[in-house]
Amino acid sequence: MERPLRGHDLLSRSLRASWLLALALAALLLPRHPGAALAIAAGQLIASLNLVFLRALVKLFTERPLPRGRILLVAFAKFLLVYGGAFAAV
């Protein structure tokens, strides 16, 4: 099975489509409900960061030997940025 080109795998296409839809919806809501548009953009950013870090963790877990220091670093960065961003947005 061939590996897809960079940016052409399912996750990358899904993230791109998700961003386009979120930005279009935010643009529609911006004139009447600027708070809702900002919330949609912030939620999209948090979701995208989560998926980017999950992809990095999966790649690290599938490497042999397991690079424990890098796994902990990526997991901590994911926790700090994703969950910290979610709590800051609330």
C-alpha atoms as a PDB file:
ATOM      1  CA  MET A   1       0.000   0.000   0.000  1.00  0.00           C
ATOM      2  CA  GLU A   2       1.411   3.361  -1.004  1.00  0.00           C
ATOM      3  CA  ARG A   3       1.833   6.136   1.502  1.00  0.00           C
ATOM      4  CA  PRO A   4      -0.036   9.312   0.506  1.00  0.00           C
ATOM      5  CA  LEU A   5       1.884  12.442  -0.363  1.00  0.00           C
ATOM      6  CA  ARG A   6       2.342  15.005   2.384  1.00  0.00           C
ATOM      7  CA  GLY A   7      -0.929  16.819   2.910  1.00  0.00           C
ATOM      8  CA  HIS A   8      -2.968  14.291   0.945  1.00  0.00           C
ATOM      9  CA  ASP A   9      -3.875  11.827   3.672  1.00  0.00           C
ATOM     10  CA  LEU A  10      -7.360  11.636   5.139  1.00  0.00           C
ATOM     11  CA  LEU A  11      -6.540  13.572   8.300  1.00  0.00           C
ATOM     12  CA  SER A  12      -4.979  16.479   6.393  1.00  0.00           C
ATOM     13  CA  ARG A  13      -7.909  16.710   3.995  1.00  0.00           C
ATOM     14  CA  SER A  14     -10.387  16.523   6.878  1.00  0.00           C
ATOM     15  CA  LEU A  15      -8.601  19.282   8.773  1.00  0.00           C
ATOM     16  CA  ARG A  16      -8.533  21.475   5.678  1.00  0.00           C
ATOM     17  CA  ALA A  17     -12.244  20.963   5.043  1.00  0.00           C
ATOM     18  CA  SER A  18     -13.037  21.571   8.702  1.00  0.00           C
ATOM     19  CA  TRP A  19     -11.105  24.846   8.664  1.00  0.00           C
ATOM     20  CA  LEU A  20     -12.828  26.012   5.495  1.00  0.00           C
ATOM     21  CA  LEU A  21     -16.279  25.279   6.899  1.00  0.00           C
ATOM     22  CA  ALA A  22     -15.491  26.870  10.266  1.00  0.00           C
ATOM     23  CA  LEU A  23     -14.121  30.009   8.645  1.00  0.00           C
ATOM     24  CA  ALA A  24     -17.090  30.271   6.289  1.00  0.00           C
ATOM     25  CA  LEU A  25     -19.532  29.901   9.181  1.00  0.00           C
ATOM     26  CA  ALA A  26     -17.584  32.407  11.274  1.00  0.00           C
ATOM     27  CA  ALA A  27     -17.620  34.876   8.377  1.00  0.00           C
ATOM     28  CA  LEU A  28     -21.399  34.510   8.077  1.00  0.00           C
ATOM     29  CA  LEU A  29     -21.919  35.036  11.802  1.00  0.00           C
ATOM     30  CA  LEU A  30     -19.393  37.853  12.222  1.00  0.00           C
ATOM     31  CA  PRO A  31     -21.660  40.840  11.371  1.00  0.00           C
ATOM     32  CA  ARG A  32     -24.489  39.925  13.748  1.00  0.00           C
ATOM     33  CA  HIS A  33     -22.819  37.691  16.331  1.00  0.00           C
ATOM     34  CA  PRO A  34     -19.089  38.465  16.624  1.00  0.00           C
ATOM     35  CA  GLY A  35     -18.805  36.495  19.871  1.00  0.00           C
ATOM     36  CA  ALA A  36     -20.167  33.365  18.248  1.00  0.00           C
ATOM     37  CA  ALA A  37     -17.807  33.760  15.293  1.00  0.00           C
ATOM     38  CA  LEU A  38     -14.852  34.081  17.655  1.00  0.00           C
ATOM     39  CA  ALA A  39     -15.997  31.032  19.613  1.00  0.00           C
ATOM     40  CA  ILE A  40     -16.225  28.948  16.422  1.00  0.00           C
ATOM     41  CA  ALA A  41     -12.715  29.992  15.387  1.00  0.00           C
ATOM     42  CA  ALA A  42     -11.329  29.250  18.866  1.00  0.00           C
ATOM     43  CA  GLY A  43     -13.029  25.854  18.978  1.00  0.00           C
ATOM     44  CA  GLN A  44     -11.659  24.992  15.558  1.00  0.00           C
ATOM     45  CA  LEU A  45      -8.161  25.967  16.667  1.00  0.00           C
ATOM     46  CA  ILE A  46      -8.372  23.766  19.769  1.00  0.00           C
ATOM     47  CA  ALA A  47      -9.710  20.812  17.770  1.00  0.00           C
ATOM     48  CA  SER A  48      -6.981  21.187  15.146  1.00  0.00           C
ATOM     49  CA  LEU A  49      -4.247  21.368  17.782  1.00  0.00           C
ATOM     50  CA  ASN A  50      -5.643  18.222  19.377  1.00  0.00           C
ATOM     51  CA  LEU A  51      -5.511  16.290  16.106  1.00  0.00           C
ATOM     52  CA  VAL A  52      -2.020  17.539  15.237  1.00  0.00           C
ATOM     53  CA  PHE A  53      -0.676  16.416  18.608  1.00  0.00           C
ATOM     54  CA  LEU A  54      -2.504  13.082  18.389  1.00  0.00           C
ATOM     55  CA  ARG A  55      -0.888  12.468  15.000  1.00  0.00           C
ATOM     56  CA  ALA A  56       2.533  13.221  16.493  1.00  0.00           C
ATOM     57  CA  LEU A  57       1.909  10.882  19.438  1.00  0.00           C
ATOM     58  CA  VAL A  58       0.809   8.048  17.162  1.00  0.00           C
ATOM     59  CA  LYS A  59       3.975   8.461  15.098  1.00  0.00           C
ATOM     60  CA  LEU A  60       6.097   8.395  18.241  1.00  0.00           C
ATOM     61  CA  PHE A  61       4.357   5.277  19.598  1.00  0.00           C
ATOM     62  CA  THR A  62       4.852   3.406  16.350  1.00  0.00           C
ATOM     63  CA  GLU A  63       8.610   4.074  16.213  1.00  0.00           C
ATOM     64  CA  ARG A  64      10.988   1.442  17.520  1.00  0.00           C
ATOM     65  CA  PRO A  65      12.603   1.867  19.999  1.00  0.00           C
ATOM     66  CA  LEU A  66      10.146   4.100  21.809  1.00  0.00           C
ATOM     67  CA  PRO A  67      11.622   7.571  22.381  1.00  0.00           C
ATOM     68  CA  ARG A  68      10.237   8.029  25.903  1.00  0.00           C
ATOM     69  CA  GLY A  69      11.524  11.564  26.382  1.00  0.00           C
ATOM     70  CA  ARG A  70       9.936  12.792  23.163  1.00  0.00           C
ATOM     71  CA  ILE A  71       6.644  11.059  23.952  1.00  0.00           C
ATOM     72  CA  LEU A  72       6.454  12.789  27.325  1.00  0.00           C
ATOM     73  CA  LEU A  73       7.375  16.132  25.771  1.00  0.00           C
ATOM     74  CA  VAL A  74       4.707  15.890  23.059  1.00  0.00           C
ATOM     75  CA  ALA A  75       2.105  14.620  25.539  1.00  0.00           C
ATOM     76  CA  PHE A  76       2.849  17.490  27.921  1.00  0.00           C
ATOM     77  CA  ALA A  77       2.727  20.055  25.092  1.00  0.00           C
ATOM     78  CA  LYS A  78      -0.610  18.596  23.936  1.00  0.00           C
ATOM     79  CA  PHE A  79      -2.023  18.736  27.444  1.00  0.00           C
ATOM     80  CA  LEU A  80      -0.813  22.283  28.001  1.00  0.00           C
ATOM     81  CA  LEU A  81      -1.946  23.747  24.677  1.00  0.00           C
ATOM     82  CA  VAL A  82      -5.161  21.831  24.039  1.00  0.00           C
ATOM     83  CA  TYR A  83      -6.612  21.631  27.527  1.00  0.00           C
ATOM     84  CA  GLY A  84      -5.114  24.949  28.615  1.00  0.00           C
ATOM     85  CA  GLY A  85      -6.637  26.569  25.547  1.00  0.00           C
ATOM     86  CA  ALA A  86      -9.997  24.980  26.263  1.00  0.00           C
ATOM     87  CA  PHE A  87     -10.000  26.220  29.860  1.00  0.00           C
ATOM     88  CA  ALA A  88      -8.831  29.682  28.772  1.00  0.00           C
ATOM     89  CA  ALA A  89     -11.651  29.859  26.232  1.00  0.00           C
ATOM     90  CA  VAL A  90     -14.238  29.115  28.900  1.00  0.00           C
END
